[in-house]
Amino acid sequence: MGILKDALLSANASLIGSWPADGYTFDSSKASETDNSFAGLVIDEDNQSGVTDERIAAWVSRLAAAIG
């Protein structure tokens, strides 16, 4: 996601869809932002599959609100 974010920003795209990094355990990520968020929704099916559906639903709601 971080690589895609960089490519989109270099093309002057406006980005939406950030997602809080709270609740994730990681050392580093190219998708990590300076405000403790990710450049998009991170799905961790290996370690956190029990919250995937909830996260997707919440993220889609956030996207819909951002789009208007």
Protein backbone atom coordinates (compact mmCIF):
# COMPACT_ATOMS: atom_id res chain seq x y z
CA MET A 1 0.00 0.00 0.00
CA GLY A 2 2.81 2.40 0.74
CA ILE A 3 4.31 1.92 -2.71
CA LEU A 4 0.92 2.49 -4.33
CA LYS A 5 0.35 5.58 -2.14
CA ASP A 6 3.69 7.05 -3.25
CA ALA A 7 2.89 6.43 -6.91
CA LEU A 8 -0.54 8.03 -6.59
CA LEU A 9 0.83 11.07 -4.78
CA SER A 10 3.50 11.54 -7.43
CA ALA A 11 0.66 11.63 -9.97
CA ASN A 12 -1.03 14.39 -7.92
CA ALA A 13 -3.90 12.16 -6.82
CA SER A 14 -6.03 13.04 -3.82
CA LEU A 15 -6.05 10.16 -1.36
CA ILE A 16 -8.87 8.99 0.88
CA GLY A 17 -9.30 5.85 2.92
CA SER A 18 -6.72 6.09 5.67
CA TRP A 19 -7.19 3.67 8.56
CA PRO A 20 -6.09 3.89 12.21
CA ALA A 21 -3.06 1.78 13.14
CA ASP A 22 -4.47 1.18 16.63
CA GLY A 23 -4.86 -2.52 17.35
CA TYR A 24 -2.10 -3.63 14.98
CA THR A 25 1.30 -4.92 16.05
CA PHE A 26 4.09 -4.24 13.54
CA ASP A 27 7.67 -3.03 13.45
CA SER A 28 7.41 -0.93 10.31
CA SER A 29 5.25 -0.49 7.25
CA LYS A 30 5.55 1.56 4.08
CA ALA A 31 1.81 2.17 4.47
CA SER A 32 2.26 3.75 7.90
CA GLU A 33 1.56 7.48 8.14
CA THR A 34 2.92 10.00 10.63
CA ASP A 35 -0.46 10.34 12.39
CA ASN A 36 -0.58 6.70 13.56
CA SER A 37 -2.65 5.56 10.60
CA PHE A 38 -2.19 3.50 7.45
CA ALA A 39 -2.60 4.72 3.88
CA GLY A 40 -5.51 2.30 3.56
CA LEU A 41 -7.21 -0.60 5.26
CA VAL A 42 -4.81 -3.28 6.46
CA ILE A 43 -6.24 -6.80 6.58
CA ASP A 44 -4.35 -9.32 8.73
CA GLU A 45 -6.01 -12.66 8.09
CA ASP A 46 -3.16 -14.56 9.74
CA ASN A 47 -3.35 -12.86 13.14
CA GLN A 48 -6.63 -10.93 13.29
CA SER A 49 -9.13 -12.71 11.06
CA GLY A 50 -11.87 -12.28 13.67
CA VAL A 51 -12.08 -8.53 13.04
CA THR A 52 -11.77 -8.49 9.24
CA ASP A 53 -15.49 -8.18 8.44
CA GLU A 54 -15.94 -5.45 11.05
CA ARG A 55 -12.95 -3.51 9.71
CA ILE A 56 -14.13 -3.78 6.11
CA ALA A 57 -17.61 -2.53 7.01
CA ALA A 58 -16.21 0.40 8.98
CA TRP A 59 -13.73 1.29 6.22
CA VAL A 60 -16.40 1.21 3.51
CA SER A 61 -18.53 3.54 5.65
CA ARG A 62 -15.58 5.91 6.00
CA LEU A 63 -15.00 5.83 2.23
CA ALA A 64 -18.67 6.53 1.50
CA ALA A 65 -18.59 9.50 3.88
CA ALA A 66 -15.40 10.84 2.27
CA ILE A 67 -16.83 10.52 -1.22
CA GLY A 68 -20.10 12.12 -0.20
